[in-house]
């Protein structure tokens, strides 16, 4: 099981990767949404905003009103960010859960 610090680091790594490719990501994700990531086996959550193709204001804690919600185990979160777990396979098999509006899911799919 990954630790809280490893999960936080994975999300920070994802945010840095998006920031490094902000121009390309902005073309694919031209919207501003709150997001939350819930880690089930550690009973922790993180939240922030997806804006301009970047994850900003990433911090500890849940945002129950987030427009985009990802729920996964700690190990699956780390594996997803590191590219060792396919998002679509994990989602269809129930290893991760993504809650978002239909239009947001279609836009997010461009990144997957």
PDB file of N, CA and C in Angstrom:
ATOM      1  N   UNK A   1       0.847  -1.170   0.000  1.00  0.00           N
ATOM      2  CA  UNK A   1       0.000   0.000   0.000  1.00  0.00           C
ATOM      3  C   UNK A   1       0.898   1.240   0.000  1.00  0.00           C
ATOM      4  N   UNK A   2       0.600   2.174  -0.913  1.00  0.00           N
ATOM      5  CA  UNK A   2       1.344   3.428  -0.979  1.00  0.00           C
ATOM      6  C   UNK A   2       0.956   4.311   0.214  1.00  0.00           C
ATOM      7  N   UNK A   3       1.835   5.214   0.579  1.00  0.00           N
ATOM      8  CA  UNK A   3       1.587   6.100   1.712  1.00  0.00           C
ATOM      9  C   UNK A   3       0.876   7.367   1.256  1.00  0.00           C
ATOM     10  N   UNK A   4       0.412   8.144   2.211  1.00  0.00           N
ATOM     11  CA  UNK A   4      -0.217   9.432   1.907  1.00  0.00           C
ATOM     12  C   UNK A   4       0.783  10.326   1.175  1.00  0.00           C
ATOM     13  N   UNK A   5       2.022  10.332   1.642  1.00  0.00           N
ATOM     14  CA  UNK A   5       3.051  11.154   0.992  1.00  0.00           C
ATOM     15  C   UNK A   5       3.313  10.710  -0.443  1.00  0.00           C
ATOM     16  N   UNK A   6       3.289   9.405  -0.701  1.00  0.00           N
ATOM     17  CA  UNK A   6       3.480   8.908  -2.064  1.00  0.00           C
ATOM     18  C   UNK A   6       2.310   9.310  -2.962  1.00  0.00           C
ATOM     19  N   UNK A   7       1.100   9.296  -2.425  1.00  0.00           N
ATOM     20  CA  UNK A   7      -0.074   9.725  -3.194  1.00  0.00           C
ATOM     21  C   UNK A   7      -0.001  11.218  -3.485  1.00  0.00           C
ATOM     22  N   UNK A   8       0.361  12.000  -2.494  1.00  0.00           N
ATOM     23  CA  UNK A   8       0.506  13.445  -2.670  1.00  0.00           C
ATOM     24  C   UNK A   8       1.578  13.727  -3.731  1.00  0.00           C
ATOM     25  N   UNK A   9       2.693  13.007  -3.654  1.00  0.00           N
ATOM     26  CA  UNK A   9       3.780  13.180  -4.620  1.00  0.00           C
ATOM     27  C   UNK A   9       3.331  12.791  -6.033  1.00  0.00           C
ATOM     28  N   UNK A  10       2.537  11.743  -6.146  1.00  0.00           N
ATOM     29  CA  UNK A  10       2.041  11.315  -7.456  1.00  0.00           C
ATOM     30  C   UNK A  10       1.151  12.394  -8.068  1.00  0.00           C
ATOM     31  N   UNK A  11       0.266  12.960  -7.268  1.00  0.00           N
ATOM     32  CA  UNK A  11      -0.604  14.023  -7.781  1.00  0.00           C
ATOM     33  C   UNK A  11       0.205  15.266  -8.141  1.00  0.00           C
ATOM     34  N   UNK A  12       1.217  15.565  -7.353  1.00  0.00           N
ATOM     35  CA  UNK A  12       2.089  16.700  -7.653  1.00  0.00           C
ATOM     36  C   UNK A  12       2.843  16.454  -8.960  1.00  0.00           C
ATOM     37  N   UNK A  13       3.276  15.215  -9.165  1.00  0.00           N
ATOM     38  CA  UNK A  13       3.961  14.838 -10.399  1.00  0.00           C
ATOM     39  C   UNK A  13       3.041  15.013 -11.603  1.00  0.00           C
ATOM     40  N   UNK A  14       1.786  14.616 -11.451  1.00  0.00           N
ATOM     41  CA  UNK A  14       0.811  14.798 -12.518  1.00  0.00           C
ATOM     42  C   UNK A  14       0.608  16.279 -12.806  1.00  0.00           C
ATOM     43  N   UNK A  15       0.499  17.086 -11.760  1.00  0.00           N
ATOM     44  CA  UNK A  15       0.328  18.530 -11.928  1.00  0.00           C
ATOM     45  C   UNK A  15       1.533  19.132 -12.652  1.00  0.00           C
ATOM     46  N   UNK A  16       2.741  18.703 -12.295  1.00  0.00           N
ATOM     47  CA  UNK A  16       3.949  19.205 -12.940  1.00  0.00           C
ATOM     48  C   UNK A  16       4.013  18.786 -14.409  1.00  0.00           C
ATOM     49  N   UNK A  17       3.596  17.558 -14.687  1.00  0.00           N
ATOM     50  CA  UNK A  17       3.593  17.072 -16.070  1.00  0.00           C
ATOM     51  C   UNK A  17       2.625  17.895 -16.922  1.00  0.00           C
ATOM     52  N   UNK A  18       1.441  18.172 -16.378  1.00  0.00           N
ATOM     53  CA  UNK A  18       0.479  18.995 -17.113  1.00  0.00           C
ATOM     54  C   UNK A  18       1.003  20.414 -17.293  1.00  0.00           C
ATOM     55  N   UNK A  19       1.639  20.966 -16.269  1.00  0.00           N
ATOM     56  CA  UNK A  19       2.185  22.320 -16.356  1.00  0.00           C
ATOM     57  C   UNK A  19       3.270  22.405 -17.427  1.00  0.00           C
ATOM     58  N   UNK A  20       4.093  21.362 -17.521  1.00  0.00           N
ATOM     59  CA  UNK A  20       5.166  21.347 -18.515  1.00  0.00           C
ATOM     60  C   UNK A  20       4.613  21.289 -19.935  1.00  0.00           C
ATOM     61  N   UNK A  21       3.426  20.745 -20.082  1.00  0.00           N
ATOM     62  CA  UNK A  21       2.778  20.640 -21.399  1.00  0.00           C
ATOM     63  C   UNK A  21       1.508  21.483 -21.436  1.00  0.00           C
ATOM     64  N   UNK A  22       1.537  22.622 -20.759  1.00  0.00           N
ATOM     65  CA  UNK A  22       0.334  23.433 -20.583  1.00  0.00           C
ATOM     66  C   UNK A  22      -0.311  23.836 -21.910  1.00  0.00           C
ATOM     67  N   UNK A  23       0.476  24.205 -22.888  1.00  0.00           N
ATOM     68  CA  UNK A  23      -0.091  24.642 -24.166  1.00  0.00           C
ATOM     69  C   UNK A  23      -0.873  23.518 -24.829  1.00  0.00           C
ATOM     70  N   UNK A  24      -0.285  22.314 -24.848  1.00  0.00           N
ATOM     71  CA  UNK A  24      -0.976  21.172 -25.447  1.00  0.00           C
ATOM     72  C   UNK A  24      -2.185  20.767 -24.617  1.00  0.00           C
ATOM     73  N   UNK A  25      -2.024  20.754 -23.292  1.00  0.00           N
ATOM     74  CA  UNK A  25      -3.127  20.363 -22.415  1.00  0.00           C
ATOM     75  C   UNK A  25      -4.269  21.368 -22.508  1.00  0.00           C
ATOM     76  N   UNK A  26      -3.922  22.653 -22.615  1.00  0.00           N
ATOM     77  CA  UNK A  26      -4.948  23.691 -22.695  1.00  0.00           C
ATOM     78  C   UNK A  26      -5.831  23.490 -23.926  1.00  0.00           C
ATOM     79  N   UNK A  27      -5.216  23.040 -25.038  1.00  0.00           N
ATOM     80  CA  UNK A  27      -5.988  22.771 -26.250  1.00  0.00           C
ATOM     81  C   UNK A  27      -6.998  21.651 -26.026  1.00  0.00           C
ATOM     82  N   UNK A  28      -6.629  20.681 -25.196  1.00  0.00           N
ATOM     83  CA  UNK A  28      -7.493  19.534 -24.951  1.00  0.00           C
ATOM     84  C   UNK A  28      -8.474  19.773 -23.809  1.00  0.00           C
ATOM     85  N   UNK A  29      -8.069  20.575 -22.844  1.00  0.00           N
ATOM     86  CA  UNK A  29      -8.890  20.802 -21.646  1.00  0.00           C
ATOM     87  C   UNK A  29      -9.151  22.291 -21.482  1.00  0.00           C
ATOM     88  N   UNK A  30     -10.027  22.813 -22.287  1.00  0.00           N
ATOM     89  CA  UNK A  30     -10.309  24.244 -22.269  1.00  0.00           C
ATOM     90  C   UNK A  30     -11.465  24.579 -21.325  1.00  0.00           C
ATOM     91  N   UNK A  31     -11.363  24.111 -20.096  1.00  0.00           N
ATOM     92  CA  UNK A  31     -12.407  24.383 -19.122  1.00  0.00           C
ATOM     93  C   UNK A  31     -11.802  24.496 -17.733  1.00  0.00           C
ATOM     94  N   UNK A  32     -12.586  25.003 -16.812  1.00  0.00           N
ATOM     95  CA  UNK A  32     -12.145  25.227 -15.432  1.00  0.00           C
ATOM     96  C   UNK A  32     -13.092  24.460 -14.524  1.00  0.00           C
ATOM     97  N   UNK A  33     -12.551  23.454 -13.815  1.00  0.00           N
ATOM     98  CA  UNK A  33     -13.382  22.614 -12.952  1.00  0.00           C
ATOM     99  C   UNK A  33     -12.655  22.327 -11.648  1.00  0.00           C
ATOM    100  N   UNK A  34     -13.419  22.219 -10.573  1.00  0.00           N
ATOM    101  CA  UNK A  34     -12.866  21.743  -9.317  1.00  0.00           C
ATOM    102  C   UNK A  34     -12.721  20.236  -9.425  1.00  0.00           C
ATOM    103  N   UNK A  35     -11.716  19.708  -8.737  1.00  0.00           N
ATOM    104  CA  UNK A  35     -11.527  18.267  -8.771  1.00  0.00           C
ATOM    105  C   UNK A  35     -11.142  17.756  -7.393  1.00  0.00           C
ATOM    106  N   UNK A  36     -11.465  16.502  -7.164  1.00  0.00           N
ATOM    107  CA  UNK A  36     -11.133  15.838  -5.910  1.00  0.00           C
ATOM    108  C   UNK A  36     -10.623  14.439  -6.234  1.00  0.00           C
ATOM    109  N   UNK A  37      -9.664  13.999  -5.435  1.00  0.00           N
ATOM    110  CA  UNK A  37      -9.124  12.654  -5.562  1.00  0.00           C
ATOM    111  C   UNK A  37      -9.253  11.998  -4.198  1.00  0.00           C
ATOM    112  N   UNK A  38     -10.015  10.946  -4.137  1.00  0.00           N
ATOM    113  CA  UNK A  38     -10.232  10.223  -2.882  1.00  0.00           C
ATOM    114  C   UNK A  38      -9.472   8.911  -2.915  1.00  0.00           C
ATOM    115  N   UNK A  39      -8.688   8.680  -1.869  1.00  0.00           N
ATOM    116  CA  UNK A  39      -7.870   7.473  -1.782  1.00  0.00           C
ATOM    117  C   UNK A  39      -8.509   6.577  -0.726  1.00  0.00           C
ATOM    118  N   UNK A  40      -9.142   5.519  -1.188  1.00  0.00           N
ATOM    119  CA  UNK A  40     -10.015   4.715  -0.331  1.00  0.00           C
ATOM    120  C   UNK A  40      -9.299   3.967   0.775  1.00  0.00           C
ATOM    121  N   UNK A  41      -8.164   3.343   0.464  1.00  0.00           N
ATOM    122  CA  UNK A  41      -7.511   2.517   1.485  1.00  0.00           C
ATOM    123  C   UNK A  41      -6.785   3.334   2.548  1.00  0.00           C
ATOM    124  N   UNK A  42      -6.521   4.603   2.280  1.00  0.00           N
ATOM    125  CA  UNK A  42      -5.880   5.472   3.268  1.00  0.00           C
ATOM    126  C   UNK A  42      -6.871   6.421   3.937  1.00  0.00           C
ATOM    127  N   UNK A  43      -8.092   6.443   3.408  1.00  0.00           N
ATOM    128  CA  UNK A  43      -9.139   7.333   3.914  1.00  0.00           C
ATOM    129  C   UNK A  43      -8.673   8.792   3.927  1.00  0.00           C
ATOM    130  N   UNK A  44      -8.063   9.212   2.813  1.00  0.00           N
ATOM    131  CA  UNK A  44      -7.637  10.595   2.637  1.00  0.00           C
ATOM    132  C   UNK A  44      -8.139  11.095   1.288  1.00  0.00           C
ATOM    133  N   UNK A  45      -8.064  12.402   1.129  1.00  0.00           N
ATOM    134  CA  UNK A  45      -8.476  13.006  -0.129  1.00  0.00           C
ATOM    135  C   UNK A  45      -7.612  14.229  -0.404  1.00  0.00           C
ATOM    136  N   UNK A  46      -7.596  14.618  -1.650  1.00  0.00           N
ATOM    137  CA  UNK A  46      -6.899  15.810  -2.113  1.00  0.00           C
ATOM    138  C   UNK A  46      -7.853  16.549  -3.038  1.00  0.00           C
ATOM    139  N   UNK A  47      -7.685  17.858  -3.138  1.00  0.00           N
ATOM    140  CA  UNK A  47      -8.526  18.597  -4.074  1.00  0.00           C
ATOM    141  C   UNK A  47      -7.759  19.773  -4.662  1.00  0.00           C
ATOM    142  N   UNK A  48      -8.274  20.261  -5.761  1.00  0.00           N
ATOM    143  CA  UNK A  48      -7.672  21.384  -6.461  1.00  0.00           C
ATOM    144  C   UNK A  48      -8.570  21.808  -7.591  1.00  0.00           C
ATOM    145  N   UNK A  49      -7.958  22.457  -8.592  1.00  0.00           N
ATOM    146  CA  UNK A  49      -8.712  22.906  -9.761  1.00  0.00           C
ATOM    147  C   UNK A  49      -7.970  22.531 -11.026  1.00  0.00           C
ATOM    148  N   UNK A  50      -8.723  22.207 -12.031  1.00  0.00           N
ATOM    149  CA  UNK A  50      -8.193  21.988 -13.365  1.00  0.00           C
ATOM    150  C   UNK A  50      -8.524  23.251 -14.140  1.00  0.00           C
ATOM    151  N   UNK A  51      -7.504  24.002 -14.496  1.00  0.00           N
ATOM    152  CA  UNK A  51      -7.717  25.288 -15.151  1.00  0.00           C
ATOM    153  C   UNK A  51      -6.627  25.520 -16.188  1.00  0.00           C
ATOM    154  N   UNK A  52      -7.028  25.894 -17.384  1.00  0.00           N
ATOM    155  CA  UNK A  52      -6.057  26.153 -18.432  1.00  0.00           C
ATOM    156  C   UNK A  52      -5.172  24.962 -18.740  1.00  0.00           C
ATOM    157  N   UNK A  53      -5.711  23.764 -18.586  1.00  0.00           N
ATOM    158  CA  UNK A  53      -4.948  22.562 -18.863  1.00  0.00           C
ATOM    159  C   UNK A  53      -3.973  22.186 -17.766  1.00  0.00           C
ATOM    160  N   UNK A  54      -4.086  22.840 -16.599  1.00  0.00           N
ATOM    161  CA  UNK A  54      -3.187  22.557 -15.487  1.00  0.00           C
ATOM    162  C   UNK A  54      -3.976  22.255 -14.215  1.00  0.00           C
ATOM    163  N   UNK A  55      -3.351  21.500 -13.325  1.00  0.00           N
ATOM    164  CA  UNK A  55      -3.922  21.285 -11.993  1.00  0.00           C
ATOM    165  C   UNK A  55      -3.291  22.331 -11.088  1.00  0.00           C
ATOM    166  N   UNK A  56      -4.132  23.163 -10.477  1.00  0.00           N
ATOM    167  CA  UNK A  56      -3.626  24.217  -9.605  1.00  0.00           C
ATOM    168  C   UNK A  56      -4.291  24.120  -8.233  1.00  0.00           C
ATOM    169  N   UNK A  57      -3.700  24.788  -7.277  1.00  0.00           N
ATOM    170  CA  UNK A  57      -4.238  24.847  -5.912  1.00  0.00           C
ATOM    171  C   UNK A  57      -4.454  23.461  -5.312  1.00  0.00           C
ATOM    172  N   UNK A  58      -3.558  22.530  -5.611  1.00  0.00           N
ATOM    173  CA  UNK A  58      -3.663  21.161  -5.092  1.00  0.00           C
ATOM    174  C   UNK A  58      -3.330  21.155  -3.605  1.00  0.00           C
ATOM    175  N   UNK A  59      -4.243  20.624  -2.814  1.00  0.00           N
ATOM    176  CA  UNK A  59      -4.056  20.600  -1.368  1.00  0.00           C
ATOM    177  C   UNK A  59      -4.737  19.390  -0.760  1.00  0.00           C
ATOM    178  N   UNK A  60      -4.442  19.122   0.495  1.00  0.00           N
ATOM    179  CA  UNK A  60      -5.051  18.005   1.209  1.00  0.00           C
ATOM    180  C   UNK A  60      -6.512  18.319   1.536  1.00  0.00           C
ATOM    181  N   UNK A  61      -7.305  17.266   1.642  1.00  0.00           N
ATOM    182  CA  UNK A  61      -8.706  17.398   2.028  1.00  0.00           C
ATOM    183  C   UNK A  61      -9.640  17.164   0.863  1.00  0.00           C
ATOM    184  N   UNK A  62     -10.863  16.856   1.183  1.00  0.00           N
ATOM    185  CA  UNK A  62     -11.879  16.551   0.181  1.00  0.00           C
ATOM    186  C   UNK A  62     -12.631  17.814  -0.215  1.00  0.00           C
ATOM    187  N   UNK A  63     -13.234  17.797  -1.364  1.00  0.00           N
ATOM    188  CA  UNK A  63     -14.157  18.834  -1.802  1.00  0.00           C
ATOM    189  C   UNK A  63     -15.402  18.108  -2.298  1.00  0.00           C
ATOM    190  N   UNK A  64     -16.394  17.938  -1.420  1.00  0.00           N
ATOM    191  CA  UNK A  64     -17.585  17.176  -1.822  1.00  0.00           C
ATOM    192  C   UNK A  64     -18.344  17.805  -2.991  1.00  0.00           C
ATOM    193  N   UNK A  65     -18.095  19.073  -3.274  1.00  0.00           N
ATOM    194  CA  UNK A  65     -18.781  19.750  -4.383  1.00  0.00           C
ATOM    195  C   UNK A  65     -17.965  19.746  -5.667  1.00  0.00           C
ATOM    196  N   UNK A  66     -16.838  19.037  -5.667  1.00  0.00           N
ATOM    197  CA  UNK A  66     -15.981  19.000  -6.854  1.00  0.00           C
ATOM    198  C   UNK A  66     -16.757  18.489  -8.060  1.00  0.00           C
ATOM    199  N   UNK A  67     -16.486  19.078  -9.201  1.00  0.00           N
ATOM    200  CA  UNK A  67     -17.177  18.690 -10.437  1.00  0.00           C
ATOM    201  C   UNK A  67     -16.592  17.421 -11.044  1.00  0.00           C
ATOM    202  N   UNK A  68     -15.316  17.150 -10.743  1.00  0.00           N
ATOM    203  CA  UNK A  68     -14.660  15.941 -11.221  1.00  0.00           C
ATOM    204  C   UNK A  68     -14.094  15.215 -10.007  1.00  0.00           C
ATOM    205  N   UNK A  69     -14.451  13.937  -9.862  1.00  0.00           N
ATOM    206  CA  UNK A  69     -14.011  13.159  -8.702  1.00  0.00           C
ATOM    207  C   UNK A  69     -13.394  11.852  -9.165  1.00  0.00           C
ATOM    208  N   UNK A  70     -12.198  11.587  -8.650  1.00  0.00           N
ATOM    209  CA  UNK A  70     -11.508  10.330  -8.907  1.00  0.00           C
ATOM    210  C   UNK A  70     -11.403   9.589  -7.589  1.00  0.00           C
ATOM    211  N   UNK A  71     -11.784   8.331  -7.585  1.00  0.00           N
ATOM    212  CA  UNK A  71     -11.677   7.495  -6.393  1.00  0.00           C
ATOM    213  C   UNK A  71     -10.863   6.263  -6.763  1.00  0.00           C
ATOM    214  N   UNK A  72      -9.825   5.988  -5.954  1.00  0.00           N
ATOM    215  CA  UNK A  72      -8.989   4.820  -6.225  1.00  0.00           C
ATOM    216  C   UNK A  72      -8.259   4.408  -4.962  1.00  0.00           C
ATOM    217  N   UNK A  73      -7.601   3.271  -5.033  1.00  0.00           N
ATOM    218  CA  UNK A  73      -6.714   2.862  -3.945  1.00  0.00           C
ATOM    219  C   UNK A  73      -5.401   3.633  -4.101  1.00  0.00           C
ATOM    220  N   UNK A  74      -4.610   3.642  -3.063  1.00  0.00           N
ATOM    221  CA  UNK A  74      -3.334   4.357  -3.113  1.00  0.00           C
ATOM    222  C   UNK A  74      -2.408   3.770  -4.175  1.00  0.00           C
ATOM    223  N   UNK A  75      -2.316   2.456  -4.223  1.00  0.00           N
ATOM    224  CA  UNK A  75      -1.446   1.815  -5.208  1.00  0.00           C
ATOM    225  C   UNK A  75      -1.901   2.112  -6.630  1.00  0.00           C
ATOM    226  N   UNK A  76      -3.194   2.061  -6.880  1.00  0.00           N
ATOM    227  CA  UNK A  76      -3.702   2.334  -8.219  1.00  0.00           C
ATOM    228  C   UNK A  76      -3.449   3.784  -8.621  1.00  0.00           C
ATOM    229  N   UNK A  77      -3.577   4.711  -7.691  1.00  0.00           N
ATOM    230  CA  UNK A  77      -3.305   6.118  -7.992  1.00  0.00           C
ATOM    231  C   UNK A  77      -1.856   6.300  -8.425  1.00  0.00           C
ATOM    232  N   UNK A  78      -0.939   5.738  -7.672  1.00  0.00           N
ATOM    233  CA  UNK A  78       0.490   5.850  -8.005  1.00  0.00           C
ATOM    234  C   UNK A  78       0.781   5.180  -9.343  1.00  0.00           C
ATOM    235  N   UNK A  79       0.196   4.008  -9.576  1.00  0.00           N
ATOM    236  CA  UNK A  79       0.403   3.292 -10.837  1.00  0.00           C
ATOM    237  C   UNK A  79      -0.161   4.077 -12.024  1.00  0.00           C
ATOM    238  N   UNK A  80      -1.324   4.697 -11.847  1.00  0.00           N
ATOM    239  CA  UNK A  80      -1.914   5.514 -12.911  1.00  0.00           C
ATOM    240  C   UNK A  80      -0.998   6.660 -13.297  1.00  0.00           C
ATOM    241  N   UNK A  81      -0.553   7.408 -12.309  1.00  0.00           N
ATOM    242  CA  UNK A  81       0.283   8.578 -12.577  1.00  0.00           C
ATOM    243  C   UNK A  81       1.609   8.174 -13.208  1.00  0.00           C
ATOM    244  N   UNK A  82       2.141   7.044 -12.786  1.00  0.00           N
ATOM    245  CA  UNK A  82       3.424   6.589 -13.330  1.00  0.00           C
ATOM    246  C   UNK A  82       3.292   5.855 -14.663  1.00  0.00           C
ATOM    247  N   UNK A  83       2.062   5.737 -15.167  1.00  0.00           N
ATOM    248  CA  UNK A  83       1.851   5.137 -16.476  1.00  0.00           C
ATOM    249  C   UNK A  83       1.896   3.623 -16.502  1.00  0.00           C
ATOM    250  N   UNK A  84       1.834   3.004 -15.350  1.00  0.00           N
ATOM    251  CA  UNK A  84       1.879   1.541 -15.293  1.00  0.00           C
ATOM    252  C   UNK A  84       0.484   0.916 -15.205  1.00  0.00           C
ATOM    253  N   UNK A  85      -0.542   1.750 -15.159  1.00  0.00           N
ATOM    254  CA  UNK A  85      -1.919   1.265 -15.135  1.00  0.00           C
ATOM    255  C   UNK A  85      -2.717   2.080 -16.143  1.00  0.00           C
ATOM    256  N   UNK A  86      -3.329   1.392 -17.078  1.00  0.00           N
ATOM    257  CA  UNK A  86      -4.131   2.042 -18.105  1.00  0.00           C
ATOM    258  C   UNK A  86      -5.428   2.560 -17.496  1.00  0.00           C
ATOM    259  N   UNK A  87      -5.702   3.837 -17.723  1.00  0.00           N
ATOM    260  CA  UNK A  87      -6.879   4.476 -17.128  1.00  0.00           C
ATOM    261  C   UNK A  87      -8.169   3.805 -17.578  1.00  0.00           C
ATOM    262  N   UNK A  88      -8.301   3.582 -18.862  1.00  0.00           N
ATOM    263  CA  UNK A  88      -9.543   2.986 -19.369  1.00  0.00           C
ATOM    264  C   UNK A  88      -9.739   1.569 -18.831  1.00  0.00           C
ATOM    265  N   UNK A  89      -8.677   0.786 -18.788  1.00  0.00           N
ATOM    266  CA  UNK A  89      -8.780  -0.575 -18.257  1.00  0.00           C
ATOM    267  C   UNK A  89      -9.131  -0.543 -16.772  1.00  0.00           C
ATOM    268  N   UNK A  90      -8.503   0.375 -16.025  1.00  0.00           N
ATOM    269  CA  UNK A  90      -8.784   0.477 -14.588  1.00  0.00           C
ATOM    270  C   UNK A  90     -10.220   0.937 -14.351  1.00  0.00           C
ATOM    271  N   UNK A  91     -10.699   1.860 -15.168  1.00  0.00           N
ATOM    272  CA  UNK A  91     -12.055   2.377 -15.019  1.00  0.00           C
ATOM    273  C   UNK A  91     -13.091   1.316 -15.370  1.00  0.00           C
ATOM    274  N   UNK A  92     -12.890   0.629 -16.489  1.00  0.00           N
ATOM    275  CA  UNK A  92     -13.879  -0.374 -16.905  1.00  0.00           C
ATOM    276  C   UNK A  92     -13.892  -1.592 -15.989  1.00  0.00           C
ATOM    277  N   UNK A  93     -12.759  -1.881 -15.347  1.00  0.00           N
ATOM    278  CA  UNK A  93     -12.717  -3.016 -14.430  1.00  0.00           C
ATOM    279  C   UNK A  93     -13.160  -2.644 -13.010  1.00  0.00           C
ATOM    280  N   UNK A  94     -13.399  -1.363 -12.771  1.00  0.00           N
ATOM    281  CA  UNK A  94     -13.860  -0.926 -11.462  1.00  0.00           C
ATOM    282  C   UNK A  94     -12.747  -0.637 -10.462  1.00  0.00           C
ATOM    283  N   UNK A  95     -11.508  -0.659 -10.922  1.00  0.00           N
ATOM    284  CA  UNK A  95     -10.396  -0.357 -10.009  1.00  0.00           C
ATOM    285  C   UNK A  95     -10.364   1.119  -9.630  1.00  0.00           C
ATOM    286  N   UNK A  96     -10.813   1.965 -10.548  1.00  0.00           N
ATOM    287  CA  UNK A  96     -10.947   3.389 -10.242  1.00  0.00           C
ATOM    288  C   UNK A  96     -12.356   3.825 -10.591  1.00  0.00           C
ATOM    289  N   UNK A  97     -12.784   4.901  -9.978  1.00  0.00           N
ATOM    290  CA  UNK A  97     -14.098   5.464 -10.254  1.00  0.00           C
ATOM    291  C   UNK A  97     -13.901   6.932 -10.619  1.00  0.00           C
ATOM    292  N   UNK A  98     -14.523   7.354 -11.701  1.00  0.00           N
ATOM    293  CA  UNK A  98     -14.458   8.746 -12.121  1.00  0.00           C
ATOM    294  C   UNK A  98     -15.881   9.266 -12.206  1.00  0.00           C
ATOM    295  N   UNK A  99     -16.149  10.327 -11.450  1.00  0.00           N
ATOM    296  CA  UNK A  99     -17.458  10.965 -11.490  1.00  0.00           C
ATOM    297  C   UNK A  99     -17.288  12.349 -12.098  1.00  0.00           C
ATOM    298  N   UNK A 100     -18.028  12.592 -13.172  1.00  0.00           N
ATOM    299  CA  UNK A 100     -17.987  13.881 -13.844  1.00  0.00           C
ATOM    300  C   UNK A 100     -19.175  13.954 -14.784  1.00  0.00           C
ATOM    301  N   UNK A 101     -19.488  15.158 -15.192  1.00  0.00           N
ATOM    302  CA  UNK A 101     -20.542  15.334 -16.180  1.00  0.00           C
ATOM    303  C   UNK A 101     -20.118  14.724 -17.509  1.00  0.00           C
ATOM    304  N   UNK A 102     -21.077  14.400 -18.340  1.00  0.00           N
ATOM    305  CA  UNK A 102     -20.790  13.744 -19.611  1.00  0.00           C
ATOM    306  C   UNK A 102     -19.842  14.573 -20.481  1.00  0.00           C
ATOM    307  N   UNK A 103     -20.054  15.869 -20.575  1.00  0.00           N
ATOM    308  CA  UNK A 103     -19.179  16.717 -21.393  1.00  0.00           C
ATOM    309  C   UNK A 103     -17.764  16.749 -20.810  1.00  0.00           C
ATOM    310  N   UNK A 104     -17.646  16.788 -19.483  1.00  0.00           N
ATOM    311  CA  UNK A 104     -16.326  16.777 -18.849  1.00  0.00           C
ATOM    312  C   UNK A 104     -15.607  15.455 -19.110  1.00  0.00           C
ATOM    313  N   UNK A 105     -16.345  14.343 -19.040  1.00  0.00           N
ATOM    314  CA  UNK A 105     -15.744  13.037 -19.325  1.00  0.00           C
ATOM    315  C   UNK A 105     -15.216  12.978 -20.756  1.00  0.00           C
ATOM    316  N   UNK A 106     -15.957  13.535 -21.686  1.00  0.00           N
ATOM    317  CA  UNK A 106     -15.511  13.540 -23.078  1.00  0.00           C
ATOM    318  C   UNK A 106     -14.236  14.361 -23.235  1.00  0.00           C
ATOM    319  N   UNK A 107     -14.156  15.490 -22.540  1.00  0.00           N
ATOM    320  CA  UNK A 107     -12.939  16.308 -22.621  1.00  0.00           C
ATOM    321  C   UNK A 107     -11.775  15.622 -21.916  1.00  0.00           C
ATOM    322  N   UNK A 108     -12.016  15.021 -20.769  1.00  0.00           N
ATOM    323  CA  UNK A 108     -10.954  14.331 -20.036  1.00  0.00           C
ATOM    324  C   UNK A 108     -10.418  13.156 -20.842  1.00  0.00           C
ATOM    325  N   UNK A 109     -11.278  12.547 -21.598  1.00  0.00           N
ATOM    326  CA  UNK A 109     -10.889  11.386 -22.397  1.00  0.00           C
ATOM    327  C   UNK A 109      -9.760  11.725 -23.377  1.00  0.00           C
ATOM    328  N   UNK A 110      -9.692  12.980 -23.783  1.00  0.00           N
ATOM    329  CA  UNK A 110      -8.641  13.414 -24.700  1.00  0.00           C
ATOM    330  C   UNK A 110      -7.262  13.274 -24.085  1.00  0.00           C
ATOM    331  N   UNK A 111      -7.192  13.329 -22.768  1.00  0.00           N
ATOM    332  CA  UNK A 111      -5.899  13.188 -22.091  1.00  0.00           C
ATOM    333  C   UNK A 111      -5.512  11.743 -21.858  1.00  0.00           C
ATOM    334  N   UNK A 112      -6.485  10.857 -21.866  1.00  0.00           N
ATOM    335  CA  UNK A 112      -6.221   9.469 -21.479  1.00  0.00           C
ATOM    336  C   UNK A 112      -5.587   8.663 -22.560  1.00  0.00           C
TER     337      UNK A 112
END
